[in-house]
Amino acid sequence: MDIRIHPGKTIKGSINIPGDKSISHRSIMLGAIAKGITEIEGFLMGEDCLSTISCFKKMGIDIHITPEKVIVKGNGMKGLKAPESILDVGNSGTTIRLIMGILSAQNFTSVITGDSSIQKRPMDRVAIPLKEMGAKIIGKGNTTLAPLTIEGAPLKGIEYTLPVASAQVKSSIILAGIYAQEKTIITEPSLTRDHTEIMLSSFGASIGREGNKIIVNPAEELTGQKISVPGDISSAAYFIAAASILEGSDVLIKNVGVNPTRTGIIKALKEMGADISLLNERNLSGEAVADIRVRYTPLKGITLSGDIIPLMIDEIPVFAVAALFAEGKTIIKDAQELKVKESNRIAAMVTELKKMGANIEETPDGMIIEGGFNLKGASVESYNDHRIAMSLAIAALKAQGASTIINGSCTDISFPGFYGILENVITVK
């Protein structure tokens, strides 16, 4: 469904956002292979996370959804059953990559696929290390593209250096590693989100870190837990950016996960001069949580590169929108990973923002953005990519005239109710 966005004057009020997508995915996966009951509060009922639930239900896991929580009755590490049909992850790259690690160690053969976007996304970066561990993975036409046939096999521990900083690849190897016969050591080129390590430790696995090395010891058994999922900082980022560019804004976003491996967007916007405060900081199920207050203040352009990029990879599209309204030039480097997301997010943002009059150029690994130009309302394409749609919605708030986001309803993939929340806190010009 297409979405019409009118210019906004300011954003004020208090917001509660849906649960963290990364943590929601992992809570189902670990709950399924643990012994006993896992109760999950704050679970994200987005399409991606529901795809993860669907996959594990097909493997014999009893998952019950109530208005308050999701209850997973785990069958233990060896308790999954061979699915009678193909496992379909929909649009979820997290689901397919992480579940590959689990499926590689089972005593059955499975086939896993997803939508047209998933079938184009690179799975070799996961398949290569898993095959080194002993997994048997065959993709479409003898490639590593989905649909993938995975024949479960005994796995061995390996030492592996990630060629790119990717939490999905790291997590897939970790999940395979708990099934391996020896310890597995993973070296990542720079820090990535560590939700898998935190949650696995709470379930009873032995996971260690020495610098950039993650040490995964084989696990005998995992034990079901109670998990409280905080709000997703990737979803909060759209409101953080909106308040940073709309004059007079003052917004409080409650109960947001502020894991240090996820707060790159806050660090980057603060470097631009944004007024962002963390209030009521606390710990929830092993994760750092806070309320985030954002007040408007003028921004200045910066150069964004290096180790901060993996800490905000999903937020770079909306960061680019904020940069349009900063004084001076913003340069984004080292973000080539954006090209293999649900869409090529570099090309998508540059193409669509240009339609709105932005002075923005694509580079091989990022963008060059000239701030201070007025945008005009336009008809723009979401590419069926939830993060592109939401980023364009924030850009449309600062445009002259209304904008239409084609297939803008794809935001339900990660943020059901996004437009309703936006409407509640925005003052329309």
Protein backbone atom coordinates (compact mmCIF):
# COMPACT_ATOMS: atom_id res chain seq x y z
CA MET A 1 0.00 0.00 0.00
CA ASP A 2 1.24 3.50 -0.85
CA ILE A 3 1.63 5.99 2.00
CA ARG A 4 1.08 9.76 1.80
CA ILE A 5 3.28 11.93 4.04
CA HIS A 6 2.65 15.64 4.62
CA PRO A 7 5.32 18.07 5.84
CA GLY A 8 5.73 18.27 9.61
CA LYS A 9 6.44 21.31 11.75
CA THR A 10 7.73 19.71 14.92
CA ILE A 11 7.72 16.44 16.86
CA LYS A 12 6.84 16.42 20.55
CA GLY A 13 5.69 13.91 23.13
CA SER A 14 6.48 10.50 24.56
CA ILE A 15 6.84 7.36 22.44
CA ASN A 16 6.93 3.63 23.09
CA ILE A 17 8.38 1.68 20.20
CA PRO A 18 8.13 -2.05 19.37
CA GLY A 19 10.61 -4.61 20.69
CA ASP A 20 14.11 -5.10 19.37
CA LYS A 21 14.11 -7.20 16.21
CA SER A 22 17.52 -8.80 16.75
CA ILE A 23 16.71 -9.86 20.31
CA SER A 24 13.24 -11.11 19.34
CA HIS A 25 14.67 -13.39 16.63
CA ARG A 26 17.27 -14.84 18.96
CA SER A 27 14.82 -15.39 21.82
CA ILE A 28 12.76 -17.75 19.64
CA MET A 29 15.78 -19.61 18.28
CA LEU A 30 17.42 -20.17 21.66
CA GLY A 31 14.11 -20.90 23.36
CA ALA A 32 13.43 -23.59 20.76
CA ILE A 33 16.72 -25.44 21.33
CA ALA A 34 16.69 -25.01 25.12
CA LYS A 35 15.12 -27.34 27.65
CA GLY A 36 11.97 -26.05 29.30
CA ILE A 37 9.91 -22.89 28.94
CA THR A 38 11.12 -19.55 27.60
CA GLU A 39 8.81 -16.59 28.25
CA ILE A 40 9.37 -13.49 26.11
CA GLU A 41 7.86 -10.11 26.97
CA GLY A 42 8.01 -7.23 24.50
CA PHE A 43 8.45 -9.52 21.48
CA LEU A 44 8.36 -7.72 18.12
CA MET A 45 5.28 -8.87 16.18
CA GLY A 46 6.84 -7.78 12.87
CA GLU A 47 6.74 -9.93 9.77
CA ASP A 48 10.42 -10.89 10.01
CA CYS A 49 10.13 -12.21 13.57
CA LEU A 50 6.89 -14.02 12.78
CA SER A 51 8.81 -15.80 9.99
CA THR A 52 11.25 -17.10 12.63
CA ILE A 53 8.32 -18.40 14.71
CA SER A 54 6.86 -20.09 11.63
CA CYS A 55 10.14 -21.88 10.84
CA PHE A 56 10.50 -23.33 14.34
CA LYS A 57 6.85 -24.36 14.52
CA LYS A 58 7.48 -26.40 11.36
CA MET A 59 10.28 -28.15 13.27
CA GLY A 60 7.95 -29.27 16.05
CA ILE A 61 8.33 -26.42 18.54
CA ASP A 62 5.22 -25.39 20.49
CA ILE A 63 5.09 -21.57 20.43
CA HIS A 64 2.10 -19.83 22.00
CA ILE A 65 1.40 -16.12 21.43
CA THR A 66 -0.64 -14.17 24.00
CA PRO A 67 -1.27 -10.40 24.19
CA GLU A 68 1.38 -10.12 26.93
CA LYS A 69 4.09 -12.55 25.91
CA VAL A 70 5.35 -15.32 23.64
CA ILE A 71 5.83 -18.71 25.28
CA VAL A 72 8.26 -21.18 23.72
CA LYS A 73 8.29 -24.79 24.87
CA GLY A 74 11.82 -25.86 24.02
CA ASN A 75 12.72 -29.44 23.10
CA GLY A 76 16.45 -29.18 23.82
CA MET A 77 19.44 -28.96 21.51
CA LYS A 78 18.65 -32.29 19.84
CA GLY A 79 14.88 -31.86 19.92
CA LEU A 80 14.09 -30.25 16.58
CA LYS A 81 12.17 -32.41 14.10
CA ALA A 82 12.57 -32.65 10.35
CA PRO A 83 10.16 -30.15 8.77
CA GLU A 84 7.55 -31.62 6.43
CA SER A 85 7.70 -28.58 4.15
CA ILE A 86 10.17 -25.92 3.06
CA LEU A 87 11.18 -23.40 5.74
CA ASP A 88 10.25 -19.92 4.46
CA VAL A 89 11.95 -16.92 6.09
CA GLY A 90 10.04 -14.34 4.06
CA ASN A 91 12.14 -11.15 3.90
CA SER A 92 14.29 -11.94 6.94
CA GLY A 93 18.03 -12.13 6.38
CA THR A 94 18.56 -12.61 10.11
CA THR A 95 16.33 -15.69 10.15
CA ILE A 96 17.96 -17.46 7.22
CA ARG A 97 21.56 -16.75 8.21
CA LEU A 98 21.24 -17.59 11.90
CA ILE A 99 19.07 -20.66 11.39
CA MET A 100 21.64 -22.06 8.93
CA GLY A 101 24.01 -22.49 11.87
CA ILE A 102 21.42 -24.45 13.84
CA LEU A 103 20.21 -26.56 10.90
CA SER A 104 23.79 -27.56 10.00
CA ALA A 105 24.05 -29.57 13.23
CA GLN A 106 20.71 -31.40 13.15
CA ASN A 107 20.16 -35.08 12.30
CA PHE A 108 17.87 -34.31 9.37
CA THR A 109 17.84 -32.57 5.99
CA SER A 110 15.94 -29.32 5.51
CA VAL A 111 15.29 -26.83 2.72
CA ILE A 112 15.14 -23.12 3.51
CA THR A 113 14.19 -20.21 1.28
CA GLY A 114 12.68 -16.73 1.34
CA ASP A 115 11.20 -14.05 -0.87
CA SER A 116 12.77 -12.74 -4.09
CA SER A 117 15.01 -10.37 -2.12
CA ILE A 118 16.38 -13.17 0.09
CA GLN A 119 17.02 -15.34 -2.95
CA LYS A 120 19.41 -12.67 -4.27
CA ARG A 121 21.29 -12.03 -1.04
CA PRO A 122 24.76 -13.58 -0.51
CA MET A 123 24.74 -16.70 1.66
CA ASP A 124 28.29 -17.78 0.82
CA ARG A 125 29.64 -15.70 3.71
CA VAL A 126 27.70 -18.03 6.05
CA ALA A 127 27.97 -21.23 4.02
CA ILE A 128 31.78 -21.10 3.69
CA PRO A 129 32.60 -21.22 7.43
CA LEU A 130 29.76 -23.66 8.14
CA LYS A 131 31.08 -26.01 5.45
CA GLU A 132 34.52 -25.71 7.04
CA MET A 133 32.88 -26.98 10.24
CA GLY A 134 31.48 -29.99 8.36
CA ALA A 135 28.08 -28.71 7.23
CA LYS A 136 26.57 -29.89 3.97
CA ILE A 137 24.89 -26.95 2.23
CA ILE A 138 23.80 -26.86 -1.41
CA GLY A 139 22.17 -23.78 -2.94
CA LYS A 140 20.12 -23.21 -6.06
CA GLY A 141 21.96 -24.36 -9.18
CA ASN A 142 24.92 -25.51 -7.05
CA THR A 143 25.46 -21.94 -5.79
CA THR A 144 25.06 -20.56 -2.27
CA LEU A 145 21.84 -18.74 -3.14
CA ALA A 146 18.50 -19.73 -1.60
CA PRO A 147 16.68 -22.07 -1.74
CA LEU A 148 19.31 -23.92 0.30
CA THR A 149 19.33 -27.63 1.11
CA ILE A 150 21.06 -28.28 4.44
CA GLU A 151 21.94 -31.83 5.40
CA GLY A 152 22.68 -31.94 9.11
CA ALA A 153 26.06 -33.39 10.09
CA PRO A 154 28.44 -33.65 13.07
CA LEU A 155 30.35 -30.36 13.30
CA LYS A 156 33.93 -29.63 14.34
CA GLY A 157 35.24 -26.48 15.97
CA ILE A 158 37.21 -24.06 13.79
CA GLU A 159 39.20 -20.85 14.02
CA TYR A 160 37.70 -18.37 11.58
CA THR A 161 38.34 -14.72 10.76
CA LEU A 162 35.31 -12.91 9.38
CA PRO A 163 36.12 -11.19 6.06
CA VAL A 164 33.46 -8.55 6.83
CA ALA A 165 32.08 -7.28 10.13
CA SER A 166 28.70 -9.01 10.27
CA ALA A 167 26.70 -9.93 13.36
CA GLN A 168 24.59 -12.31 11.28
CA VAL A 169 27.58 -14.30 10.06
CA LYS A 170 29.21 -14.27 13.50
CA SER A 171 25.97 -15.45 15.13
CA SER A 172 25.46 -18.27 12.64
CA ILE A 173 28.94 -19.62 13.39
CA ILE A 174 28.35 -19.23 17.15
CA LEU A 175 25.09 -21.19 16.94
CA ALA A 176 26.86 -23.93 15.01
CA GLY A 177 29.74 -23.74 17.46
CA ILE A 178 27.65 -24.72 20.49
CA TYR A 179 26.92 -28.00 18.64
CA ALA A 180 30.55 -28.59 17.60
CA GLN A 181 32.84 -31.21 19.10
CA GLU A 182 35.59 -28.69 19.99
CA LYS A 183 35.68 -25.01 20.77
CA THR A 184 35.26 -22.49 17.97
CA ILE A 185 37.18 -19.21 17.83
CA ILE A 186 35.81 -16.34 15.71
CA THR A 187 37.77 -13.16 15.00
CA GLU A 188 35.78 -10.15 13.81
CA PRO A 189 37.50 -7.22 12.05
CA SER A 190 35.56 -4.73 14.18
CA LEU A 191 32.94 -4.94 16.91
CA THR A 192 29.40 -5.96 15.88
CA ARG A 193 26.18 -6.32 17.86
CA ASP A 194 26.61 -8.97 20.55
CA HIS A 195 23.02 -9.98 21.39
CA THR A 196 23.75 -13.62 20.54
CA GLU A 197 26.64 -13.82 23.00
CA ILE A 198 24.67 -12.10 25.78
CA MET A 199 21.59 -14.27 25.38
CA LEU A 200 23.44 -17.56 24.91
CA SER A 201 25.34 -16.90 28.14
CA SER A 202 22.07 -16.38 30.00
CA PHE A 203 20.80 -19.72 28.62
CA GLY A 204 23.86 -21.47 30.06
CA ALA A 205 26.34 -21.58 27.19
CA SER A 206 30.03 -20.83 27.72
CA ILE A 207 30.93 -17.88 25.48
CA GLY A 208 34.04 -15.79 26.05
CA ARG A 209 35.69 -12.77 24.44
CA GLU A 210 39.35 -11.81 24.20
CA GLY A 211 39.64 -8.55 22.28
CA ASN A 212 38.11 -9.17 18.85
CA LYS A 213 38.04 -12.95 19.38
CA ILE A 214 34.87 -14.77 20.47
CA ILE A 215 35.46 -18.20 22.05
CA VAL A 216 32.53 -20.61 21.75
CA ASN A 217 32.63 -23.80 23.81
CA PRO A 218 30.44 -26.81 22.97
CA ALA A 219 27.22 -26.85 24.99
CA GLU A 220 25.63 -29.93 26.56
CA GLU A 221 22.28 -28.24 27.13
CA LEU A 222 20.59 -24.84 27.28
CA THR A 223 17.93 -23.88 29.81
CA GLY A 224 14.80 -21.84 29.05
CA GLN A 225 14.73 -18.25 30.38
CA LYS A 226 12.47 -15.26 30.96
CA ILE A 227 13.38 -12.53 28.51
CA SER A 228 12.25 -8.90 28.45
CA VAL A 229 12.85 -7.39 25.02
CA PRO A 230 13.61 -3.62 25.07
CA GLY A 231 12.51 -1.24 22.34
CA ASP A 232 14.55 -1.40 19.14
CA ILE A 233 17.07 1.41 18.74
CA SER A 234 16.92 0.89 14.98
CA SER A 235 13.22 1.83 15.16
CA ALA A 236 13.90 4.67 17.61
CA ALA A 237 16.43 6.09 15.13
CA TYR A 238 13.68 7.49 12.87
CA PHE A 239 12.25 9.57 15.71
CA ILE A 240 15.72 10.55 16.94
CA ALA A 241 16.51 11.84 13.44
CA ALA A 242 13.14 13.58 13.07
CA ALA A 243 13.53 15.45 16.36
CA SER A 244 17.07 16.43 15.36
CA ILE A 245 15.95 18.17 12.14
CA LEU A 246 12.51 19.62 12.97
CA GLU A 247 12.80 22.95 14.80
CA GLY A 248 11.27 23.08 18.27
CA SER A 249 11.13 19.30 18.66
CA ASP A 250 11.40 17.59 22.05
CA VAL A 251 10.66 13.87 22.19
CA LEU A 252 11.13 11.13 24.80
CA ILE A 253 11.50 7.57 23.49
CA LYS A 254 10.99 5.13 26.34
CA ASN A 255 12.59 1.78 27.17
CA VAL A 256 15.06 1.55 24.29
CA GLY A 257 17.92 -0.94 24.09
CA VAL A 258 21.21 0.98 24.21
CA ASN A 259 23.64 -1.92 23.93
CA PRO A 260 27.02 -0.26 23.14
CA THR A 261 27.26 -2.32 19.94
CA ARG A 262 24.07 -0.62 18.67
CA THR A 263 24.44 3.05 19.62
CA GLY A 264 26.50 4.22 16.64
CA ILE A 265 23.57 6.37 15.45
CA ILE A 266 23.55 8.29 18.75
CA LYS A 267 27.33 8.82 18.65
CA ALA A 268 27.21 9.95 15.02
CA LEU A 269 24.35 12.42 15.51
CA LYS A 270 25.98 13.79 18.67
CA GLU A 271 29.15 14.40 16.65
CA MET A 272 26.94 16.44 14.28
CA GLY A 273 25.79 18.47 17.30
CA ALA A 274 22.52 16.70 18.14
CA ASP A 275 21.03 17.14 21.65
CA ILE A 276 20.48 13.53 22.78
CA SER A 277 20.35 12.39 26.42
CA LEU A 278 20.07 8.92 27.95
CA LEU A 279 17.80 8.89 31.01
CA ASN A 280 16.80 6.19 33.50
CA GLU A 281 19.64 3.88 32.41
CA ARG A 282 19.22 0.29 33.61
CA ASN A 283 19.78 -3.38 32.75
CA LEU A 284 17.09 -5.66 31.32
CA SER A 285 17.76 -9.37 30.61
CA GLY A 286 21.46 -8.60 30.32
CA GLU A 287 20.94 -5.69 27.92
CA ALA A 288 21.53 -1.98 28.58
CA VAL A 289 18.27 0.00 28.41
CA ALA A 290 17.43 3.71 28.71
CA ASP A 291 14.89 6.39 27.85
CA ILE A 292 16.18 8.63 25.06
CA ARG A 293 15.37 12.35 25.04
CA VAL A 294 16.02 14.31 21.84
CA ARG A 295 15.67 18.08 21.43
CA TYR A 296 16.17 20.02 18.24
CA THR A 297 19.47 21.75 17.68
CA PRO A 298 21.22 22.68 14.40
CA LEU A 299 23.49 19.99 12.94
CA LYS A 300 26.81 20.23 11.11
CA GLY A 301 28.24 17.87 8.51
CA ILE A 302 30.82 15.22 9.44
CA THR A 303 32.79 12.37 7.89
CA LEU A 304 31.52 8.97 9.03
CA SER A 305 33.80 5.95 8.54
CA GLY A 306 35.62 3.05 10.17
CA ASP A 307 34.57 1.06 13.21
CA ILE A 308 31.39 3.07 13.88
CA ILE A 309 29.80 1.85 10.61
CA PRO A 310 28.96 -1.71 11.79
CA LEU A 311 27.48 -0.20 14.98
CA MET A 312 24.86 1.70 12.93
CA ILE A 313 24.64 -0.18 9.64
CA ASP A 314 20.81 -0.33 9.71
CA GLU A 315 20.53 3.35 10.67
CA ILE A 316 22.73 4.81 7.92
CA PRO A 317 19.77 5.51 5.57
CA VAL A 318 18.04 7.73 8.15
CA PHE A 319 21.39 9.24 9.18
CA ALA A 320 21.77 10.29 5.53
CA VAL A 321 18.40 12.04 5.79
CA ALA A 322 19.55 13.97 8.88
CA ALA A 323 22.73 14.94 7.01
CA LEU A 324 20.63 16.64 4.31
CA PHE A 325 19.67 19.27 6.87
CA ALA A 326 23.10 19.73 8.45
CA GLU A 327 25.33 22.68 7.66
CA GLY A 328 28.04 21.65 5.21
CA LYS A 329 29.08 18.35 3.70
CA THR A 330 28.68 14.86 5.17
CA ILE A 331 30.72 11.96 3.79
CA ILE A 332 29.83 8.34 4.57
CA LYS A 333 32.58 5.76 3.92
CA ASP A 334 33.18 2.03 4.53
CA ALA A 335 29.46 1.25 4.20
CA GLN A 336 29.56 -1.11 1.21
CA GLU A 337 27.65 -3.68 3.32
CA LEU A 338 24.56 -1.56 2.63
CA LYS A 339 24.59 -2.84 -0.94
CA VAL A 340 23.58 -6.37 0.12
CA LYS A 341 20.70 -5.60 2.46
CA GLU A 342 17.00 -5.94 1.56
CA SER A 343 17.87 -3.55 -1.27
CA ASN A 344 21.05 -1.77 -2.33
CA ARG A 345 20.46 0.88 0.31
CA ILE A 346 23.15 3.22 -0.97
CA ALA A 347 21.71 3.34 -4.49
CA ALA A 348 18.13 3.38 -3.21
CA MET A 349 18.61 6.37 -0.87
CA VAL A 350 20.61 8.36 -3.43
CA THR A 351 18.09 7.72 -6.22
CA GLU A 352 14.99 8.54 -4.19
CA LEU A 353 16.37 11.54 -2.31
CA LYS A 354 17.48 13.04 -5.62
CA LYS A 355 13.83 12.89 -6.71
CA MET A 356 13.12 15.16 -3.75
CA GLY A 357 15.83 17.62 -4.79
CA ALA A 358 18.67 16.44 -2.54
CA ASN A 359 22.30 17.13 -3.47
CA ILE A 360 23.61 13.62 -2.80
CA GLU A 361 26.00 11.36 -4.68
CA GLU A 362 26.73 7.64 -4.50
CA THR A 363 30.31 6.44 -3.97
CA PRO A 364 31.63 2.85 -4.09
CA ASP A 365 31.36 2.53 -0.30
CA GLY A 366 28.91 5.23 0.76
CA MET A 367 27.57 8.69 -0.06
CA ILE A 368 28.52 12.36 -0.26
CA ILE A 369 25.74 14.61 1.04
CA GLU A 370 25.58 18.40 0.71
CA GLY A 371 23.45 19.80 3.50
CA GLY A 372 21.26 22.89 3.55
CA PHE A 373 19.16 22.30 0.43
CA ASN A 374 15.36 22.40 0.50
CA LEU A 375 13.52 19.22 -0.44
CA LYS A 376 10.31 19.09 -2.42
CA GLY A 377 7.51 16.56 -2.10
CA ALA A 378 7.74 13.71 -4.60
CA SER A 379 6.61 10.18 -5.37
CA VAL A 380 9.38 7.89 -4.13
CA GLU A 381 9.94 4.12 -4.17
CA SER A 382 10.46 1.99 -1.05
CA TYR A 383 11.99 -0.96 -2.94
CA ASN A 384 9.90 -3.05 -0.53
CA ASP A 385 12.62 -2.23 2.02
CA HIS A 386 11.26 -1.21 5.42
CA ARG A 387 14.27 0.94 6.33
CA ILE A 388 14.19 2.81 3.03
CA ALA A 389 10.44 3.50 3.49
CA MET A 390 10.83 4.86 7.03
CA SER A 391 13.87 6.96 6.12
CA LEU A 392 12.01 8.52 3.21
CA ALA A 393 9.06 9.23 5.51
CA ILE A 394 11.35 11.29 7.77
CA ALA A 395 12.76 13.13 4.74
CA ALA A 396 9.20 13.89 3.60
CA LEU A 397 8.51 15.67 6.89
CA LYS A 398 11.03 18.36 5.85
CA ALA A 399 9.87 18.63 2.22
CA GLN A 400 7.80 21.39 0.64
CA GLY A 401 4.56 19.66 -0.31
CA ALA A 402 3.28 16.14 0.26
CA SER A 403 5.17 12.99 -0.73
CA THR A 404 3.97 9.50 -1.64
CA ILE A 405 5.99 6.44 -0.63
CA ILE A 406 5.18 3.64 -3.04
CA ASN A 407 4.55 0.42 -1.09
CA GLY A 408 5.34 2.34 2.08
CA SER A 409 3.41 -0.22 4.15
CA CYS A 410 6.43 -2.56 4.00
CA THR A 411 7.40 -0.93 7.32
CA ASP A 412 5.38 -3.71 9.00
CA ILE A 413 8.39 -5.98 8.42
CA SER A 414 10.14 -4.41 11.41
CA PHE A 415 7.93 -1.63 12.79
CA PRO A 416 4.19 -2.34 12.83
CA GLY A 417 2.32 0.86 13.63
CA PHE A 418 5.14 3.19 12.52
CA TYR A 419 2.92 5.68 10.69
CA GLY A 420 0.36 5.76 13.51
CA ILE A 421 3.03 6.65 16.09
CA LEU A 422 4.47 9.26 13.75
CA GLU A 423 1.03 10.82 13.27
CA ASN A 424 0.48 11.01 17.03
CA VAL A 425 3.60 13.03 17.78
CA ILE A 426 4.01 15.19 14.69
CA THR A 427 2.52 18.64 14.26
CA VAL A 428 1.61 19.07 10.60
CA LYS A 429 2.39 22.36 8.88
